[in-house]
Amino acid sequence: MTGTRRTVALLFLFPALVLLGALVVYPIGYSVVRSFFNASGSSFIGFDNYQTLFTRSDTKAAINNNIWWVVLAPTVATALGLIFAVMTERIRWGTAFKLVVFMPMAISMLAAGIIFRLVYDQDPGKGAVNAVWTSVHDTFSSSSAFPKAHPRANDPLAGRAGGPYLTKQPVQAGTSYLLPLVGVAADEMPGDAKPAKAATASPGKVTGTLWQDFTLGKGAGKAKGVDSTEVGYPGMRVEAVKGGKVVASTTAAADGTFTLPAAADGAKLRLPAANFKEAYNGVDWLGDKKFFTIHLGGFDLYLNIVTTSIMVAYVWMWAGFAMVLIGAGLAGIPRELLEAARVDGATEWQVFRRVTVPLLAPVLAVVLVTLMINVLKIFDLVYIIAPGSSQDDANVLALQLYLSAFNENNEGLASAIAVLLLLLVIPVMWFNMRRLRQEARR
């Protein structure tokens, strides 16, 4: 190029260079400089903000969660995208399937966050996940109809809260016993409960009555008796325990009466804890429970349930993106290579693992790197889905940057976080650019 042409080229590039400098170079440079000053920017503090970044509990939690985001979310989204792309080539309704999988990409992060905040609601009546979870759970393990029932201090029964409850004295055959309980609201009693009645003594047997000893508007029932307005505890299990072993058992009738054989003579009556089992209300998907912890010197790397739940929402949105890109790469694979592998006796799994995946490696790398860059700046989903009580446990660097800058007014720490994010993105971008140049040379 001659000097004149070089000047003309620079004139055409000048507006773009100005915009690049104003929107990219200057903010980066200012953030780097600002990270060495205190919260107000009035004094130089060196690397103190970076020290705080790696020592404070909330910023350490953000770094921990970002590690899992970078490792798990892009990998799972890319793997699902690969599976979906291969599936759509083998089914008739592949186009409709692609549409359904890709549709979440049309939803903003804000809308997706609101959707999944409702989906993960712990109340099975609101949260779809817990509605399904509790239905499956209750199919194999039913809860008690009397989770809040308990005896009073002066009643014949005693025990720890939630059961089991045992009679204070052994029982004798030929005697009827009254075992009153309280604590169940009238509108929570089973529909098959009938008015309680005192059991009739039977020779050689132990009989008794289990009933709700409470009359609405009057409080406790009459002493040592059953009121006509009170109801029994149908289906409550009664065990006779002697020497630590169950020698007989039965369940109460609809009116609360029960009968045990002569083997119960001299034993204590026990109401097992299963009678008072709380109803299962699902899982707290947005809680702080940890799945596991890996100890790495002075740093504990852990994965909790709220971060995993938010990752699921992210994968739901971005698996379609991965599927479309991988599907485009799959369409470019020469079919004769796949057919040659099949002719040579390779199974479909071997064709997929040894032919399809290696040929798709460049596309898979693009998708994986793109999603890794994307998750490093994840903010919306975490901010919206995680409730205030567990937002610290779901914290990520982009969210911590926002909180430090606007909630704490600590621009120095926020700038240090921004610089850390930049440093984390640079290696990923360099890898992507290097790979693209290698592809161009081919």
Protein backbone atom coordinates (compact mmCIF):
# COMPACT_ATOMS: atom_id res chain seq x y z
CA MET A 1 0.00 0.00 0.00
CA THR A 2 1.18 3.53 -0.73
CA GLY A 3 1.25 6.20 1.92
CA THR A 4 -1.86 7.86 0.49
CA ARG A 5 -3.90 4.68 0.57
CA ARG A 6 -2.74 4.01 4.14
CA THR A 7 -3.97 7.47 5.15
CA VAL A 8 -7.33 6.90 3.48
CA ALA A 9 -7.66 3.54 5.19
CA LEU A 10 -6.94 5.11 8.59
CA LEU A 11 -9.56 7.80 7.92
CA PHE A 12 -12.19 5.15 7.24
CA LEU A 13 -11.12 3.20 10.32
CA PHE A 14 -10.99 6.25 12.59
CA PRO A 15 -14.74 6.29 13.59
CA ALA A 16 -14.61 2.60 14.43
CA LEU A 17 -11.38 3.05 16.41
CA VAL A 18 -12.92 5.93 18.36
CA LEU A 19 -15.98 3.83 19.26
CA LEU A 20 -13.77 0.86 20.15
CA GLY A 21 -11.64 3.02 22.38
CA ALA A 22 -14.59 4.71 24.06
CA LEU A 23 -16.70 1.59 24.60
CA VAL A 24 -14.04 -1.09 25.19
CA VAL A 25 -10.49 0.12 25.76
CA TYR A 26 -11.27 3.04 28.08
CA PRO A 27 -13.70 1.09 30.36
CA ILE A 28 -11.19 -1.75 30.66
CA GLY A 29 -8.34 0.59 31.46
CA TYR A 30 -10.41 2.59 33.93
CA SER A 31 -11.61 -0.61 35.69
CA VAL A 32 -8.02 -1.82 36.07
CA VAL A 33 -6.91 1.50 37.56
CA ARG A 34 -10.02 1.84 39.75
CA SER A 35 -9.46 -1.63 41.22
CA PHE A 36 -6.35 -0.32 43.02
CA PHE A 37 -8.30 2.34 44.93
CA ASN A 38 -10.60 2.18 47.93
CA ALA A 39 -14.41 2.20 47.85
CA SER A 40 -14.69 5.98 47.41
CA GLY A 41 -11.73 6.20 45.05
CA SER A 42 -9.97 8.71 47.26
CA SER A 43 -6.86 6.70 48.16
CA PHE A 44 -4.60 4.11 46.54
CA ILE A 45 -4.71 0.75 48.36
CA GLY A 46 -2.76 -1.48 45.97
CA PHE A 47 -3.93 -5.08 45.80
CA ASP A 48 -6.20 -4.90 48.87
CA ASN A 49 -9.36 -5.28 46.76
CA TYR A 50 -7.95 -8.42 45.16
CA GLN A 51 -7.05 -9.77 48.58
CA THR A 52 -10.61 -9.09 49.74
CA LEU A 53 -11.91 -10.82 46.63
CA PHE A 54 -10.21 -14.09 47.60
CA THR A 55 -10.77 -13.92 51.36
CA ARG A 56 -14.28 -12.56 51.97
CA SER A 57 -16.98 -15.23 52.37
CA ASP A 58 -19.44 -13.87 49.78
CA THR A 59 -16.82 -13.36 47.06
CA LYS A 60 -15.31 -16.79 47.77
CA ALA A 61 -18.80 -18.31 47.38
CA ALA A 62 -19.15 -16.47 44.05
CA ILE A 63 -15.81 -17.85 42.81
CA ASN A 64 -16.79 -21.36 43.96
CA ASN A 65 -20.10 -21.21 42.11
CA ASN A 66 -18.52 -19.75 38.97
CA ILE A 67 -16.15 -22.71 38.83
CA TRP A 68 -19.11 -25.10 38.79
CA TRP A 69 -20.93 -22.94 36.27
CA VAL A 70 -17.97 -23.06 33.86
CA VAL A 71 -17.42 -26.79 34.33
CA LEU A 72 -20.96 -28.18 34.39
CA ALA A 73 -23.43 -25.92 32.56
CA PRO A 74 -21.62 -25.68 29.16
CA THR A 75 -20.71 -29.37 29.25
CA VAL A 76 -24.25 -30.54 29.96
CA ALA A 77 -25.80 -28.11 27.44
CA THR A 78 -23.34 -29.20 24.73
CA ALA A 79 -23.89 -32.90 25.46
CA LEU A 80 -27.68 -32.50 25.32
CA GLY A 81 -27.35 -30.45 22.13
CA LEU A 82 -25.31 -33.27 20.57
CA ILE A 83 -27.87 -35.90 21.61
CA PHE A 84 -30.79 -33.82 20.35
CA ALA A 85 -29.04 -33.09 17.04
CA VAL A 86 -28.40 -36.79 16.41
CA MET A 87 -31.96 -37.71 17.45
CA THR A 88 -33.59 -35.21 15.09
CA GLU A 89 -31.94 -36.94 12.14
CA ARG A 90 -33.60 -40.24 13.01
CA ILE A 91 -37.19 -39.28 13.75
CA ARG A 92 -39.98 -38.15 11.45
CA TRP A 93 -41.03 -35.22 13.55
CA GLY A 94 -37.48 -33.89 13.88
CA THR A 95 -38.44 -30.37 12.77
CA ALA A 96 -41.14 -30.11 15.42
CA PHE A 97 -38.73 -31.46 18.02
CA LYS A 98 -36.13 -28.83 17.07
CA LEU A 99 -38.77 -26.12 17.37
CA VAL A 100 -39.75 -27.23 20.87
CA VAL A 101 -36.15 -27.51 22.08
CA PHE A 102 -35.09 -24.19 20.54
CA MET A 103 -38.18 -22.29 21.69
CA PRO A 104 -36.73 -21.33 25.14
CA MET A 105 -34.10 -19.27 23.32
CA ALA A 106 -36.90 -16.86 22.41
CA ILE A 107 -37.55 -16.23 26.12
CA SER A 108 -35.51 -13.61 27.92
CA MET A 109 -33.43 -14.49 30.98
CA LEU A 110 -35.80 -12.38 33.06
CA ALA A 111 -38.88 -14.30 31.92
CA ALA A 112 -37.09 -17.65 32.30
CA GLY A 113 -36.08 -16.68 35.84
CA ILE A 114 -39.65 -15.86 36.79
CA ILE A 115 -40.88 -19.12 35.25
CA PHE A 116 -38.38 -21.27 37.12
CA ARG A 117 -38.88 -19.37 40.37
CA LEU A 118 -42.48 -20.64 40.21
CA VAL A 119 -41.48 -24.09 38.95
CA TYR A 120 -39.16 -24.58 41.95
CA ASP A 121 -41.66 -23.32 44.55
CA GLN A 122 -41.59 -25.67 47.53
CA ASP A 123 -45.38 -25.70 47.87
CA PRO A 124 -46.55 -28.70 45.77
CA GLY A 125 -49.71 -26.74 45.00
CA LYS A 126 -47.62 -24.11 43.19
CA GLY A 127 -44.31 -25.63 42.15
CA ALA A 128 -44.50 -28.06 39.24
CA VAL A 129 -41.32 -29.92 40.21
CA ASN A 130 -42.45 -30.58 43.76
CA ALA A 131 -45.95 -31.49 42.57
CA VAL A 132 -44.43 -34.33 40.52
CA TRP A 133 -41.85 -35.17 43.19
CA THR A 134 -44.40 -35.48 46.00
CA SER A 135 -46.76 -37.53 43.81
CA VAL A 136 -44.01 -40.06 43.14
CA HIS A 137 -42.92 -40.03 46.78
CA ASP A 138 -46.45 -40.54 48.13
CA THR A 139 -46.94 -43.46 45.77
CA PHE A 140 -44.30 -45.44 47.69
CA SER A 141 -44.41 -43.78 51.12
CA SER A 142 -47.63 -42.35 52.49
CA SER A 143 -47.71 -39.81 55.31
CA SER A 144 -49.81 -39.95 58.46
CA ALA A 145 -53.22 -38.34 58.84
CA PHE A 146 -52.29 -37.19 62.36
CA PRO A 147 -48.82 -35.54 62.16
CA LYS A 148 -49.58 -33.05 64.97
CA ALA A 149 -51.33 -35.39 67.42
CA HIS A 150 -49.72 -35.71 70.85
CA PRO A 151 -50.67 -36.54 74.46
CA ARG A 152 -50.89 -34.02 77.29
CA ALA A 153 -48.50 -34.11 80.24
CA ASN A 154 -50.98 -35.81 82.58
CA ASP A 155 -52.23 -38.37 80.05
CA PRO A 156 -51.47 -42.12 80.23
CA LEU A 157 -49.14 -41.77 77.23
CA ALA A 158 -45.68 -40.20 77.25
CA GLY A 159 -42.81 -39.81 74.79
CA ARG A 160 -40.83 -37.37 72.69
CA ALA A 161 -42.47 -35.02 70.20
CA GLY A 162 -43.38 -36.80 66.99
CA GLY A 163 -43.55 -40.21 68.70
CA PRO A 164 -43.29 -42.93 69.57
CA TYR A 165 -45.58 -42.62 72.62
CA LEU A 166 -45.84 -45.39 75.26
CA THR A 167 -48.19 -45.94 78.15
CA LYS A 168 -46.59 -45.07 81.47
CA GLN A 169 -47.73 -48.36 83.02
CA PRO A 170 -48.08 -51.89 81.63
CA VAL A 171 -51.60 -52.93 80.61
CA GLN A 172 -53.61 -55.90 81.87
CA ALA A 173 -55.85 -58.25 79.91
CA GLY A 174 -59.54 -57.87 80.57
CA THR A 175 -59.22 -54.10 81.03
CA SER A 176 -60.22 -51.25 78.69
CA TYR A 177 -57.91 -48.22 78.43
CA LEU A 178 -58.56 -44.66 77.34
CA LEU A 179 -55.68 -43.10 75.38
CA PRO A 180 -56.56 -39.46 74.66
CA LEU A 181 -54.63 -37.30 72.20
CA VAL A 182 -54.88 -33.65 71.15
CA GLY A 183 -53.33 -31.42 68.49
CA VAL A 184 -55.31 -32.20 65.34
CA ALA A 185 -57.61 -29.46 64.04
CA ALA A 186 -61.23 -30.47 63.49
CA ASP A 187 -61.04 -29.74 59.75
CA GLU A 188 -57.91 -31.91 59.43
CA MET A 189 -59.45 -35.08 60.83
CA PRO A 190 -59.97 -37.89 58.27
CA GLY A 191 -63.37 -38.02 56.64
CA ASP A 192 -63.99 -41.58 57.85
CA ALA A 193 -63.53 -40.64 61.53
CA LYS A 194 -66.64 -41.46 63.59
CA PRO A 195 -67.78 -40.32 67.05
CA ALA A 196 -65.52 -41.92 69.62
CA LYS A 197 -66.81 -44.40 72.14
CA ALA A 198 -65.27 -46.18 75.08
CA ALA A 199 -64.26 -49.74 74.26
CA THR A 200 -65.90 -52.55 76.19
CA ALA A 201 -63.61 -54.67 78.36
CA SER A 202 -63.16 -58.22 77.06
CA PRO A 203 -61.83 -61.19 79.09
CA GLY A 204 -58.36 -62.25 78.00
CA LYS A 205 -57.91 -59.23 75.72
CA VAL A 206 -56.65 -55.68 76.00
CA THR A 207 -59.07 -53.10 74.62
CA GLY A 208 -59.01 -49.35 74.48
CA THR A 209 -59.91 -46.14 72.68
CA LEU A 210 -57.74 -43.63 70.83
CA TRP A 211 -59.59 -40.37 70.29
CA GLN A 212 -59.29 -36.62 69.87
CA ASP A 213 -59.89 -35.44 73.44
CA PHE A 214 -60.99 -31.96 72.49
CA THR A 215 -64.43 -30.43 72.04
CA LEU A 216 -64.62 -27.36 69.83
CA GLY A 217 -65.58 -24.35 71.96
CA LYS A 218 -65.08 -26.23 75.25
CA GLY A 219 -61.44 -27.33 75.10
CA ALA A 220 -60.44 -30.57 76.80
CA GLY A 221 -63.13 -33.19 77.21
CA LYS A 222 -64.50 -34.47 80.49
CA ALA A 223 -62.08 -36.18 82.83
CA LYS A 224 -61.57 -39.91 82.23
CA GLY A 225 -64.29 -40.11 79.63
CA VAL A 226 -65.23 -39.66 75.99
CA ASP A 227 -67.54 -36.81 74.94
CA SER A 228 -70.18 -37.52 72.35
CA THR A 229 -68.86 -34.70 70.12
CA GLU A 230 -65.33 -36.10 69.96
CA VAL A 231 -64.09 -38.46 67.25
CA GLY A 232 -61.72 -41.41 67.08
CA TYR A 233 -58.39 -41.83 65.27
CA PRO A 234 -59.18 -44.33 62.50
CA GLY A 235 -56.25 -46.42 61.27
CA MET A 236 -53.83 -45.39 64.02
CA ARG A 237 -51.48 -48.28 64.74
CA VAL A 238 -51.17 -49.64 68.29
CA GLU A 239 -48.38 -52.00 69.35
CA ALA A 240 -47.90 -54.03 72.53
CA VAL A 241 -44.24 -53.95 73.53
CA LYS A 242 -42.73 -56.33 76.08
CA GLY A 243 -39.00 -56.62 76.70
CA GLY A 244 -38.27 -54.32 73.78
CA LYS A 245 -40.14 -56.56 71.32
CA VAL A 246 -43.54 -56.12 69.68
CA VAL A 247 -45.72 -59.02 70.84
CA ALA A 248 -48.99 -57.85 69.28
CA SER A 249 -50.31 -55.02 67.12
CA THR A 250 -53.55 -53.70 65.63
CA THR A 251 -55.12 -50.56 64.18
CA ALA A 252 -57.88 -48.41 65.63
CA ALA A 253 -61.36 -48.54 64.15
CA ALA A 254 -63.20 -45.49 62.84
CA ASP A 255 -64.54 -44.77 66.33
CA GLY A 256 -61.04 -45.11 67.86
CA THR A 257 -61.56 -48.49 69.54
CA PHE A 258 -58.94 -51.24 69.29
CA THR A 259 -58.47 -54.80 70.57
CA LEU A 260 -55.24 -56.67 71.28
CA PRO A 261 -54.93 -60.44 72.03
CA ALA A 262 -53.90 -61.97 75.34
CA ALA A 263 -50.22 -61.71 74.33
CA ALA A 264 -50.45 -57.99 75.18
CA ASP A 265 -51.03 -58.75 78.87
CA GLY A 266 -48.27 -57.11 80.94
CA ALA A 267 -46.89 -55.14 77.98
CA LYS A 268 -46.82 -51.40 77.38
CA LEU A 269 -48.90 -49.96 74.58
CA ARG A 270 -46.94 -48.00 72.00
CA LEU A 271 -48.07 -45.63 69.27
CA PRO A 272 -45.25 -45.84 66.66
CA ALA A 273 -43.70 -42.69 65.19
CA ALA A 274 -45.17 -43.64 61.80
CA ASN A 275 -48.57 -42.56 63.15
CA PHE A 276 -47.27 -39.00 63.43
CA LYS A 277 -45.17 -38.73 60.30
CA GLU A 278 -45.30 -35.26 58.79
CA ALA A 279 -46.70 -34.90 55.29
CA TYR A 280 -43.98 -34.82 52.64
CA ASN A 281 -43.78 -31.36 51.10
CA GLY A 282 -41.09 -32.01 48.52
CA VAL A 283 -37.56 -30.66 48.27
CA ASP A 284 -36.36 -27.13 48.88
CA TRP A 285 -34.83 -26.78 45.40
CA LEU A 286 -33.70 -23.24 46.16
CA GLY A 287 -32.15 -24.06 49.53
CA ASP A 288 -28.52 -24.07 50.62
CA LYS A 289 -28.08 -27.82 51.06
CA LYS A 290 -24.70 -29.03 49.72
CA PHE A 291 -24.39 -32.14 47.56
CA PHE A 292 -20.70 -32.59 48.31
CA THR A 293 -17.54 -30.70 49.24
CA ILE A 294 -14.01 -31.10 47.88
CA HIS A 295 -11.22 -29.88 50.15
CA LEU A 296 -8.44 -28.21 48.17
CA GLY A 297 -5.93 -26.95 50.70
CA GLY A 298 -7.38 -23.79 52.20
CA PHE A 299 -10.26 -23.63 49.70
CA ASP A 300 -13.40 -25.78 49.89
CA LEU A 301 -15.02 -26.42 46.52
CA TYR A 302 -18.67 -27.35 47.02
CA LEU A 303 -21.82 -27.72 44.95
CA ASN A 304 -25.17 -26.82 46.48
CA ILE A 305 -28.73 -27.50 45.40
CA VAL A 306 -29.73 -23.92 44.53
CA THR A 307 -26.83 -23.50 42.09
CA THR A 308 -27.64 -26.84 40.46
CA SER A 309 -31.32 -25.87 40.11
CA ILE A 310 -30.42 -22.59 38.40
CA MET A 311 -28.05 -24.45 36.07
CA VAL A 312 -30.97 -26.63 34.99
CA ALA A 313 -32.85 -23.49 33.97
CA TYR A 314 -29.81 -22.32 32.00
CA VAL A 315 -29.42 -25.67 30.23
CA TRP A 316 -33.14 -25.61 29.41
CA MET A 317 -32.60 -22.31 27.58
CA TRP A 318 -29.28 -22.99 25.85
CA ALA A 319 -29.49 -26.67 24.88
CA GLY A 320 -31.47 -25.57 21.81
CA PHE A 321 -28.68 -23.20 20.79
CA ALA A 322 -26.16 -26.03 21.04
CA MET A 323 -28.47 -28.36 19.12
CA VAL A 324 -28.82 -25.96 16.17
CA LEU A 325 -25.07 -25.36 15.79
CA ILE A 326 -24.20 -29.03 16.20
CA GLY A 327 -27.01 -29.98 13.82
CA ALA A 328 -25.50 -27.69 11.18
CA GLY A 329 -22.13 -29.38 11.66
CA LEU A 330 -23.77 -32.80 11.51
CA ALA A 331 -25.36 -31.94 8.17
CA GLY A 332 -21.89 -31.25 6.76
CA ILE A 333 -20.44 -34.66 7.63
CA PRO A 334 -19.93 -36.81 4.49
CA ARG A 335 -22.50 -39.58 4.66
CA GLU A 336 -20.20 -42.00 2.84
CA LEU A 337 -17.92 -42.05 5.89
CA LEU A 338 -20.76 -43.14 8.13
CA GLU A 339 -21.94 -45.74 5.63
CA ALA A 340 -18.41 -47.08 5.23
CA ALA A 341 -18.15 -47.57 9.00
CA ARG A 342 -21.47 -49.45 9.04
CA VAL A 343 -20.40 -51.63 6.12
CA ASP A 344 -17.21 -52.49 8.03
CA GLY A 345 -19.39 -53.86 10.85
CA ALA A 346 -19.40 -50.95 13.28
CA THR A 347 -22.42 -50.66 15.56
CA GLU A 348 -24.39 -47.42 15.75
CA TRP A 349 -22.70 -46.56 19.06
CA GLN A 350 -19.27 -47.16 17.53
CA VAL A 351 -20.15 -45.03 14.51
CA PHE A 352 -21.30 -42.24 16.83
CA ARG A 353 -18.30 -42.44 19.16
CA ARG A 354 -15.50 -43.09 16.66
CA VAL A 355 -16.73 -41.26 13.54
CA THR A 356 -19.45 -38.72 14.27
CA VAL A 357 -18.02 -37.16 17.44
CA PRO A 358 -14.42 -36.80 16.10
CA LEU A 359 -15.71 -35.14 12.92
CA LEU A 360 -17.88 -32.80 15.02
CA ALA A 361 -15.00 -31.89 17.36
CA PRO A 362 -14.47 -28.40 15.85
CA VAL A 363 -18.18 -27.56 16.15
CA LEU A 364 -18.37 -28.97 19.67
CA ALA A 365 -15.39 -26.82 20.64
CA VAL A 366 -17.09 -23.69 19.29
CA VAL A 367 -20.30 -24.43 21.20
CA LEU A 368 -18.47 -25.30 24.42
CA VAL A 369 -16.25 -22.21 24.35
CA THR A 370 -19.17 -19.93 23.49
CA LEU A 371 -21.19 -21.25 26.42
CA MET A 372 -18.21 -21.00 28.77
CA ILE A 373 -17.86 -17.30 27.94
CA ASN A 374 -21.60 -16.92 28.34
CA VAL A 375 -21.78 -18.48 31.82
CA LEU A 376 -18.90 -16.36 33.13
CA LYS A 377 -21.20 -13.35 32.95
CA ILE A 378 -24.37 -15.12 34.14
CA PHE A 379 -26.41 -12.74 36.26
CA ASP A 380 -30.13 -12.59 35.44
CA LEU A 381 -31.10 -16.15 36.30
CA VAL A 382 -29.25 -16.15 39.62
CA TYR A 383 -30.61 -12.76 40.66
CA ILE A 384 -34.22 -13.68 39.88
CA ILE A 385 -34.49 -17.39 40.72
CA ALA A 386 -32.54 -17.51 43.99
CA PRO A 387 -34.64 -16.17 46.89
CA GLY A 388 -33.13 -13.66 49.28
CA SER A 389 -32.51 -16.32 51.91
CA SER A 390 -30.23 -18.35 49.63
CA GLN A 391 -28.96 -15.74 47.19
CA ASP A 392 -25.61 -15.67 48.99
CA ASP A 393 -25.32 -19.43 48.41
CA ALA A 394 -26.12 -19.05 44.69
CA ASN A 395 -23.86 -16.01 44.28
CA VAL A 396 -21.70 -15.64 41.14
CA LEU A 397 -19.07 -13.10 40.16
CA ALA A 398 -21.33 -11.01 37.92
CA LEU A 399 -23.97 -10.79 40.65
CA GLN A 400 -21.33 -9.98 43.27
CA LEU A 401 -20.02 -7.21 41.01
CA TYR A 402 -23.51 -5.69 40.90
CA LEU A 403 -24.03 -6.04 44.65
CA SER A 404 -20.62 -4.58 45.47
CA ALA A 405 -21.10 -1.59 43.18
CA PHE A 406 -24.72 -0.69 43.92
CA ASN A 407 -25.57 -2.19 47.33
CA GLU A 408 -22.24 -1.61 49.08
CA ASN A 409 -21.09 1.38 46.98
CA ASN A 410 -17.68 -0.28 46.83
CA GLU A 411 -16.56 0.51 43.29
CA GLY A 412 -13.01 -0.60 44.05
CA LEU A 413 -14.04 -4.19 44.82
CA ALA A 414 -16.53 -4.18 41.92
CA SER A 415 -13.72 -3.12 39.55
CA ALA A 416 -11.49 -5.90 40.90
CA ILE A 417 -14.24 -8.43 40.16
CA ALA A 418 -14.62 -7.01 36.63
CA VAL A 419 -10.86 -7.38 36.06
CA LEU A 420 -10.98 -10.98 37.34
CA LEU A 421 -13.81 -11.78 34.91
CA LEU A 422 -11.77 -10.26 32.08
CA LEU A 423 -8.77 -12.38 33.02
CA LEU A 424 -10.95 -15.50 33.09
CA VAL A 425 -12.43 -14.77 29.66
CA ILE A 426 -9.12 -14.00 27.91
CA PRO A 427 -7.75 -17.62 27.92
CA VAL A 428 -11.05 -18.95 26.59
CA MET A 429 -11.15 -16.32 23.83
CA TRP A 430 -7.49 -16.99 22.96
CA PHE A 431 -8.20 -20.70 22.65
CA ASN A 432 -11.19 -19.99 20.38
CA MET A 433 -9.24 -17.58 18.14
CA ARG A 434 -6.32 -20.00 17.90
CA ARG A 435 -8.63 -22.83 16.91
CA LEU A 436 -10.37 -20.65 14.29
CA ARG A 437 -7.02 -19.71 12.73
CA GLN A 438 -6.06 -23.36 12.56
CA GLU A 439 -9.35 -24.14 10.82
CA ALA A 440 -8.73 -21.29 8.35
CA ARG A 441 -5.29 -22.69 7.43
CA ARG A 442 -6.86 -26.04 6.61
